[in-house]
Amino acid sequence: MSPKKGGGYALEISGLTLEINGNTILKDISLKLPAGELIGILGPNGAGKSTLLSAITGFLPAARGYIEVFGKDLKTLSAKDRAKAMALLPQSLETPFHFRAMDVVMMGRYAHGVSVQGDHRTAMEALELCGIGHLAHRSFISLSGGERRLVLLARCLCQDSPLFLLDEVTSSLDIRRKMEVFELLKHQVSKEGRSIVIVIHDINLASLYLDRLLFLKNGSIMGQGTVEKILNSSYLSRVFETRTIVIEHPECNRPAVLFSPPKKKSEAGLQ
């Protein structure tokens, strides 16, 4: 698998506003993702993180603003061209039929035409990279939640797009598997030249592996910057409305985030 390498920006968004049923879900979103970087999108539930990924793919059309992918206006790209440029790992995928894991992974080859033997080999390589080659002939719906996430990641690898959009790629995975996935993603960025946008809730994994972070809240950008710059206690406490303590990781010197219980009973409970 050989993604397309090059400088410049993999993704540029300016003034993006998105409305659904008269409700503004995203408000004036602007960001730039340099090619060959890994950026994380974080924030509270309902902040608009998954919606932003859907807008980047064009699945949800923006009311205002524009999106450029590798310097090309998203609106000018055909569905096939978008698939060549971007691979999406959605928050969930339900299949009405008993597709094998291999079948789901090979769906990533749609934009590249048909070459059954070559596509099968590429799909198997992707499954092996994700450590699930042994699941190739298992029914997708029979797999655990974590195994399904790995199959969908393998589909992105099989799609061989230079930009990955990953929505909670490590949900339902144990900590060892999560670390393995992030090591794989770092390799895809540093050695294979891909650019990756990932929606993630685990702040400490984000701190360990990502280049830059973007925080959303109520559909707006609360802040963005490098891990070292943006991960501080006062800022995180404002974003998540909970007490946090940020310390230095003893091995890599990156921020490590601790969460503290409410000081008062009045602070406890669901809002």
Protein backbone atom coordinates (compact mmCIF):
# COMPACT_ATOMS: atom_id res chain seq x y z
CA MET A 1 0.00 0.00 0.00
CA SER A 2 1.45 3.34 -1.03
CA PRO A 3 -0.45 6.53 -0.15
CA LYS A 4 0.17 9.75 -1.99
CA LYS A 5 2.79 11.91 -0.33
CA GLY A 6 3.37 15.66 -0.60
CA GLY A 7 3.49 18.93 1.29
CA GLY A 8 0.82 21.55 1.82
CA TYR A 9 -2.46 20.94 3.60
CA ALA A 10 -4.36 17.68 3.54
CA LEU A 11 -7.47 19.46 4.80
CA GLU A 12 -8.55 23.10 5.01
CA ILE A 13 -11.86 24.19 6.49
CA SER A 14 -12.98 27.81 6.68
CA GLY A 15 -16.15 29.22 8.25
CA LEU A 16 -17.98 25.90 8.19
CA THR A 17 -21.53 26.12 9.53
CA LEU A 18 -23.90 23.17 9.40
CA GLU A 19 -27.60 23.06 10.19
CA ILE A 20 -29.93 20.11 10.65
CA ASN A 21 -33.70 20.61 10.84
CA GLY A 22 -33.22 24.29 11.56
CA ASN A 23 -30.73 23.65 14.38
CA THR A 24 -27.15 24.88 14.07
CA ILE A 25 -24.91 21.90 14.84
CA LEU A 26 -21.54 23.34 13.79
CA LYS A 27 -20.73 27.07 13.95
CA ASP A 28 -17.94 28.80 12.05
CA ILE A 29 -15.44 25.90 12.12
CA SER A 30 -12.01 26.68 10.68
CA LEU A 31 -8.95 24.43 10.76
CA LYS A 32 -5.94 23.38 8.73
CA LEU A 33 -4.36 19.93 8.77
CA PRO A 34 -0.83 19.87 7.31
CA ALA A 35 -0.17 16.80 5.22
CA GLY A 36 1.53 14.09 7.24
CA GLU A 37 0.09 14.96 10.65
CA LEU A 38 -2.24 13.29 13.11
CA ILE A 39 -4.84 15.60 14.68
CA GLY A 40 -7.35 14.66 17.37
CA ILE A 41 -10.85 16.09 17.77
CA LEU A 42 -12.02 16.04 21.38
CA GLY A 43 -14.87 17.48 23.42
CA PRO A 44 -17.96 16.62 25.47
CA ASN A 45 -20.75 14.39 24.20
CA GLY A 46 -22.88 16.17 21.62
CA ALA A 47 -20.17 18.70 20.80
CA GLY A 48 -20.40 17.97 17.05
CA LYS A 49 -17.31 15.80 16.61
CA SER A 50 -18.90 13.04 14.51
CA THR A 51 -20.95 15.61 12.63
CA LEU A 52 -17.74 17.38 11.64
CA LEU A 53 -16.37 14.18 10.10
CA SER A 54 -19.63 13.71 8.18
CA ALA A 55 -19.34 17.28 6.88
CA ILE A 56 -15.73 16.72 5.76
CA THR A 57 -16.80 13.72 3.68
CA GLY A 58 -19.68 15.70 2.19
CA PHE A 59 -22.30 13.34 3.59
CA LEU A 60 -23.82 16.29 5.46
CA PRO A 61 -23.77 19.44 3.30
CA ALA A 62 -22.66 22.68 4.94
CA ALA A 63 -24.92 25.73 5.08
CA ARG A 64 -21.91 28.04 4.83
CA GLY A 65 -18.15 27.85 4.51
CA TYR A 66 -15.92 25.66 2.39
CA ILE A 67 -13.81 22.53 2.64
CA GLU A 68 -10.71 21.77 0.60
CA VAL A 69 -9.10 18.33 0.45
CA PHE A 70 -5.52 18.41 -0.82
CA GLY A 71 -6.21 21.80 -2.37
CA LYS A 72 -9.44 20.78 -4.14
CA ASP A 73 -12.90 22.12 -3.30
CA LEU A 74 -14.92 19.26 -1.81
CA LYS A 75 -17.96 20.28 -3.88
CA THR A 76 -16.09 19.65 -7.13
CA LEU A 77 -15.14 16.07 -6.24
CA SER A 78 -17.20 13.09 -7.38
CA ALA A 79 -18.09 10.32 -4.94
CA LYS A 80 -15.32 8.17 -6.37
CA ASP A 81 -12.76 10.99 -6.13
CA ARG A 82 -13.76 11.60 -2.51
CA ALA A 83 -13.25 7.91 -1.77
CA LYS A 84 -9.82 8.05 -3.36
CA ALA A 85 -8.90 11.04 -1.21
CA MET A 86 -10.54 10.11 2.12
CA ALA A 87 -11.22 6.91 4.03
CA LEU A 88 -13.87 7.09 6.76
CA LEU A 89 -14.17 4.86 9.80
CA PRO A 90 -17.70 5.65 11.07
CA GLN A 91 -18.89 5.60 14.65
CA SER A 92 -20.82 2.41 13.87
CA LEU A 93 -21.70 0.22 10.90
CA GLU A 94 -24.65 -2.13 10.72
CA THR A 95 -24.77 -4.66 7.88
CA PRO A 96 -28.11 -6.30 6.95
CA PHE A 97 -26.36 -9.34 5.47
CA HIS A 98 -23.81 -11.84 6.71
CA PHE A 99 -20.80 -10.26 5.04
CA ARG A 100 -17.48 -11.80 5.95
CA ALA A 101 -14.87 -9.54 7.49
CA MET A 102 -12.93 -9.90 4.23
CA ASP A 103 -15.96 -8.66 2.26
CA VAL A 104 -16.26 -5.55 4.45
CA VAL A 105 -12.56 -4.77 4.05
CA MET A 106 -12.68 -5.24 0.28
CA MET A 107 -15.44 -2.61 0.07
CA GLY A 108 -12.60 -0.15 0.51
CA ARG A 109 -11.42 -0.98 -3.02
CA TYR A 110 -14.56 0.49 -4.65
CA ALA A 111 -12.84 3.68 -5.84
CA HIS A 112 -9.95 1.77 -7.41
CA GLY A 113 -11.91 -0.39 -9.84
CA VAL A 114 -12.11 -4.18 -9.88
CA SER A 115 -9.11 -6.47 -9.62
CA VAL A 116 -10.30 -9.45 -7.60
CA GLN A 117 -6.96 -11.15 -7.04
CA GLY A 118 -5.08 -7.93 -6.27
CA ASP A 119 -7.88 -6.58 -4.09
CA HIS A 120 -8.03 -9.82 -2.09
CA ARG A 121 -4.29 -9.63 -1.45
CA THR A 122 -4.50 -5.96 -0.39
CA ALA A 123 -7.42 -6.72 1.92
CA MET A 124 -5.59 -9.62 3.54
CA GLU A 125 -2.52 -7.44 4.09
CA ALA A 126 -4.72 -4.84 5.80
CA LEU A 127 -6.32 -7.44 8.05
CA GLU A 128 -2.89 -8.77 9.02
CA LEU A 129 -1.64 -5.25 9.81
CA CYS A 130 -4.56 -4.89 12.21
CA GLY A 131 -3.77 -8.26 13.79
CA ILE A 132 -7.02 -9.91 12.70
CA GLY A 133 -6.07 -11.98 9.67
CA HIS A 134 -7.58 -14.99 11.42
CA LEU A 135 -11.01 -13.29 11.30
CA ALA A 136 -11.04 -12.87 7.52
CA HIS A 137 -13.79 -15.42 6.94
CA ARG A 138 -15.84 -14.72 10.04
CA SER A 139 -19.24 -13.05 9.67
CA PHE A 140 -18.91 -9.35 10.46
CA ILE A 141 -22.04 -9.32 12.64
CA SER A 142 -20.67 -12.21 14.71
CA LEU A 143 -17.63 -10.22 15.79
CA SER A 144 -17.22 -8.35 19.06
CA GLY A 145 -17.43 -4.55 19.08
CA GLY A 146 -13.66 -4.20 19.26
CA GLU A 147 -13.09 -6.69 16.45
CA ARG A 148 -15.52 -4.75 14.26
CA ARG A 149 -13.53 -1.57 14.86
CA LEU A 150 -10.38 -3.34 13.69
CA VAL A 151 -12.15 -4.63 10.57
CA LEU A 152 -13.26 -1.09 9.74
CA LEU A 153 -9.71 0.17 10.27
CA ALA A 154 -8.49 -2.54 7.91
CA ARG A 155 -11.03 -1.30 5.37
CA CYS A 156 -9.48 2.18 5.58
CA LEU A 157 -6.02 0.71 5.01
CA CYS A 158 -7.36 -1.29 2.07
CA GLN A 159 -8.93 1.87 0.62
CA ASP A 160 -5.40 3.33 0.51
CA SER A 161 -6.52 6.97 0.73
CA PRO A 162 -4.02 9.63 1.82
CA LEU A 163 -6.45 11.08 4.40
CA PHE A 164 -8.06 8.98 7.14
CA LEU A 165 -11.11 10.21 9.09
CA LEU A 166 -11.50 7.95 12.13
CA ASP A 167 -14.40 8.15 14.57
CA GLU A 168 -13.53 6.48 17.89
CA VAL A 169 -11.35 3.86 16.21
CA THR A 170 -10.31 2.29 19.54
CA SER A 171 -13.71 2.13 21.25
CA SER A 172 -14.41 -1.33 22.73
CA LEU A 173 -10.73 -2.26 22.56
CA ASP A 174 -8.61 -3.21 25.58
CA ILE A 175 -5.63 -1.02 26.46
CA ARG A 176 -3.03 -3.22 24.71
CA ARG A 177 -5.03 -3.19 21.49
CA LYS A 178 -5.52 0.57 21.76
CA MET A 179 -1.79 1.10 22.02
CA GLU A 180 -1.18 -1.21 19.07
CA VAL A 181 -3.69 0.71 16.95
CA PHE A 182 -2.06 4.03 17.76
CA GLU A 183 1.38 2.63 17.00
CA LEU A 184 -0.02 1.55 13.62
CA LEU A 185 -1.52 4.99 13.01
CA LYS A 186 1.75 6.72 13.89
CA HIS A 187 3.50 4.46 11.40
CA GLN A 188 0.93 5.34 8.74
CA VAL A 189 1.69 9.03 9.29
CA SER A 190 5.48 8.97 9.77
CA LYS A 191 6.44 6.20 7.35
CA GLU A 192 3.57 5.94 4.86
CA GLY A 193 2.84 9.66 4.50
CA ARG A 194 -0.84 9.62 5.46
CA SER A 195 -2.75 12.39 7.24
CA ILE A 196 -5.20 11.40 9.95
CA VAL A 197 -8.09 13.11 11.73
CA ILE A 198 -9.37 11.12 14.69
CA VAL A 199 -12.32 11.70 17.01
CA ILE A 200 -11.24 10.48 20.43
CA HIS A 201 -12.43 10.62 24.04
CA ASP A 202 -9.29 9.22 25.69
CA ILE A 203 -7.27 12.37 26.45
CA ASN A 204 -4.22 10.48 27.66
CA LEU A 205 -3.95 8.39 24.49
CA ALA A 206 -4.37 11.60 22.53
CA SER A 207 -1.55 13.19 24.51
CA LEU A 208 0.78 10.25 23.95
CA TYR A 209 0.30 9.87 20.21
CA LEU A 210 -1.22 12.88 18.47
CA ASP A 211 0.51 15.89 16.96
CA ARG A 212 -2.21 18.47 17.59
CA LEU A 213 -5.60 18.63 19.27
CA LEU A 214 -8.82 20.49 18.48
CA PHE A 215 -11.54 20.85 21.12
CA LEU A 216 -15.21 21.28 20.22
CA LYS A 217 -18.02 22.30 22.54
CA ASN A 218 -21.60 23.10 21.60
CA GLY A 219 -20.68 23.00 17.93
CA SER A 220 -17.89 25.59 18.18
CA ILE A 221 -14.12 25.35 18.42
CA MET A 222 -13.00 25.94 22.01
CA GLY A 223 -9.33 25.82 21.12
CA GLN A 224 -6.67 24.06 19.09
CA GLY A 225 -2.93 23.62 19.32
CA THR A 226 -0.11 21.24 20.15
CA VAL A 227 -0.53 18.72 22.94
CA GLU A 228 1.96 20.53 25.17
CA LYS A 229 0.31 23.91 24.64
CA ILE A 230 -3.36 23.05 25.05
CA LEU A 231 -3.47 20.31 27.69
CA ASN A 232 -3.56 22.22 30.95
CA SER A 233 -5.78 21.83 33.98
CA SER A 234 -7.71 25.09 33.83
CA TYR A 235 -8.50 24.73 30.15
CA LEU A 236 -9.66 21.11 30.39
CA SER A 237 -11.79 21.93 33.44
CA ARG A 238 -13.60 24.60 31.41
CA VAL A 239 -14.17 22.35 28.42
CA PHE A 240 -15.44 19.31 30.32
CA GLU A 241 -16.84 21.14 33.35
CA THR A 242 -15.10 18.82 35.76
CA ARG A 243 -11.97 18.95 37.92
CA THR A 244 -8.74 17.90 36.24
CA ILE A 245 -5.10 17.70 37.24
CA VAL A 246 -2.37 17.67 34.57
CA ILE A 247 1.03 16.20 35.39
CA GLU A 248 4.09 15.29 33.32
CA HIS A 249 4.40 11.71 32.11
CA PRO A 250 7.55 10.32 33.78
CA GLU A 251 8.84 8.59 30.62
CA CYS A 252 7.90 10.77 27.63
CA ASN A 253 7.40 14.16 29.34
CA ARG A 254 4.02 14.63 27.69
CA PRO A 255 0.99 15.80 29.69
CA ALA A 256 -0.95 13.14 31.61
CA VAL A 257 -4.46 14.00 32.75
CA LEU A 258 -6.04 12.95 36.04
CA PHE A 259 -9.71 13.49 36.85
CA SER A 260 -10.94 14.36 40.33
CA PRO A 261 -14.37 13.69 41.87
CA PRO A 262 -16.60 16.68 42.68
CA LYS A 263 -15.74 18.52 45.89
CA LYS A 264 -19.40 19.12 46.79
CA LYS A 265 -22.44 16.90 46.63
CA SER A 266 -24.16 19.60 44.61
CA GLU A 267 -21.59 19.09 41.85
CA ALA A 268 -22.43 15.40 41.52
CA GLY A 269 -25.10 13.76 39.39
CA LEU A 270 -26.09 13.88 35.74
CA GLN A 271 -26.84 17.29 34.30
